[in-house]
Amino acid sequence: MINWYRKRKLVALIESLAIYNDKGIEWSKHNSSQVEARRQKLLSSIRALVTKLGQERISNQLLEALEGGNLASDVTGIYVVYAKQTKL
């Protein structure tokens, strides 16, 4: 049950990051330091959930995007699909 909630939270955080990158930056009128702070806060929460769930449960594509930095600036939301593939 706990992992189900964590997976749901992971999906929501990744979706939130993609929405922020796509339109949220513009709507919020954040400057570059505020954008970076918001992204780092979301990424920190995502990393914490990945650790709690266990990296072996997370898709390789999502792990690579998280480690490589692609997740931080994604505007497409493609990584939501990979988050939904998390094994419980």
Protein backbone atom coordinates (compact mmCIF):
# COMPACT_ATOMS: atom_id res chain seq x y z
CA MET A 1 0.00 0.00 0.00
CA ILE A 2 2.78 2.44 0.87
CA ASN A 3 4.59 1.84 -2.44
CA TRP A 4 1.35 2.43 -4.33
CA TYR A 5 1.10 5.87 -2.73
CA ARG A 6 4.76 6.61 -3.41
CA LYS A 7 4.36 5.66 -7.07
CA ARG A 8 1.33 7.93 -7.35
CA LYS A 9 3.28 10.76 -5.72
CA LEU A 10 6.24 10.16 -8.07
CA VAL A 11 3.97 10.43 -11.10
CA ALA A 12 2.40 13.62 -9.73
CA LEU A 13 5.77 15.26 -9.03
CA ILE A 14 7.13 14.46 -12.49
CA GLU A 15 3.95 15.75 -14.07
CA SER A 16 4.17 18.90 -11.97
CA LEU A 17 7.76 19.48 -13.09
CA ALA A 18 6.83 19.08 -16.77
CA ILE A 19 3.89 21.47 -16.41
CA TYR A 20 6.09 23.99 -14.63
CA ASN A 21 8.70 23.76 -17.39
CA ASP A 22 6.10 24.04 -20.14
CA LYS A 23 3.88 26.88 -18.92
CA GLY A 24 4.52 27.46 -15.23
CA ILE A 25 7.73 29.39 -15.65
CA GLU A 26 5.97 31.86 -17.91
CA TRP A 27 2.86 32.12 -15.74
CA SER A 28 4.83 32.54 -12.53
CA LYS A 29 7.18 35.12 -14.09
CA HIS A 30 10.04 33.56 -12.11
CA ASN A 31 13.57 34.75 -12.72
CA SER A 32 16.32 32.24 -13.48
CA SER A 33 17.29 31.69 -9.84
CA GLN A 34 13.66 31.08 -8.85
CA VAL A 35 13.25 28.63 -11.73
CA GLU A 36 16.34 26.72 -10.66
CA ALA A 37 15.20 26.67 -7.03
CA ARG A 38 11.76 25.32 -7.99
CA ARG A 39 13.27 22.66 -10.22
CA GLN A 40 15.75 21.59 -7.54
CA LYS A 41 12.99 21.32 -4.95
CA LEU A 42 10.94 19.08 -7.22
CA LEU A 43 13.98 17.02 -8.22
CA SER A 44 14.94 16.56 -4.59
CA SER A 45 11.46 15.21 -3.81
CA ILE A 46 11.62 12.93 -6.86
CA ARG A 47 15.03 11.59 -5.83
CA ALA A 48 13.77 10.91 -2.31
CA LEU A 49 10.85 8.89 -3.66
CA VAL A 50 13.11 6.96 -6.04
CA THR A 51 15.28 6.05 -3.06
CA LYS A 52 12.28 4.97 -0.98
CA LEU A 53 10.81 2.92 -3.81
CA GLY A 54 14.19 1.43 -4.77
CA GLN A 55 15.98 2.11 -8.03
CA GLU A 56 15.42 -1.46 -9.17
CA ARG A 57 11.69 -0.66 -9.42
CA ILE A 58 12.15 2.44 -11.57
CA SER A 59 12.47 2.33 -15.37
CA ASN A 60 15.95 2.83 -16.75
CA GLN A 61 14.75 5.67 -18.95
CA LEU A 62 13.51 7.61 -15.93
CA LEU A 63 16.68 6.96 -13.93
CA GLU A 64 18.84 8.08 -16.85
CA ALA A 65 16.78 11.26 -17.29
CA LEU A 66 17.02 12.02 -13.60
CA GLU A 67 20.77 11.43 -13.44
CA GLY A 68 21.53 13.04 -16.80
CA GLY A 69 19.50 16.19 -16.21
CA ASN A 70 16.93 15.72 -18.96
CA LEU A 71 14.10 15.40 -16.45
CA ALA A 72 14.88 18.83 -14.98
CA SER A 73 14.01 20.66 -18.20
CA ASP A 74 11.42 18.34 -19.78
CA VAL A 75 8.38 20.13 -21.19
CA THR A 76 6.75 17.14 -22.87
CA GLY A 77 5.72 15.06 -19.87
CA ILE A 78 7.15 11.89 -21.45
CA TYR A 79 8.74 10.87 -18.16
CA VAL A 80 5.30 10.55 -16.59
CA VAL A 81 4.86 7.46 -18.77
CA TYR A 82 8.08 6.00 -17.40
CA ALA A 83 7.07 6.85 -13.83
CA LYS A 84 3.83 4.94 -14.35
CA GLN A 85 5.94 1.89 -15.24
CA THR A 86 7.35 1.78 -11.70
CA LYS A 87 6.99 -1.74 -10.30
CA LEU A 88 5.20 -2.21 -7.01
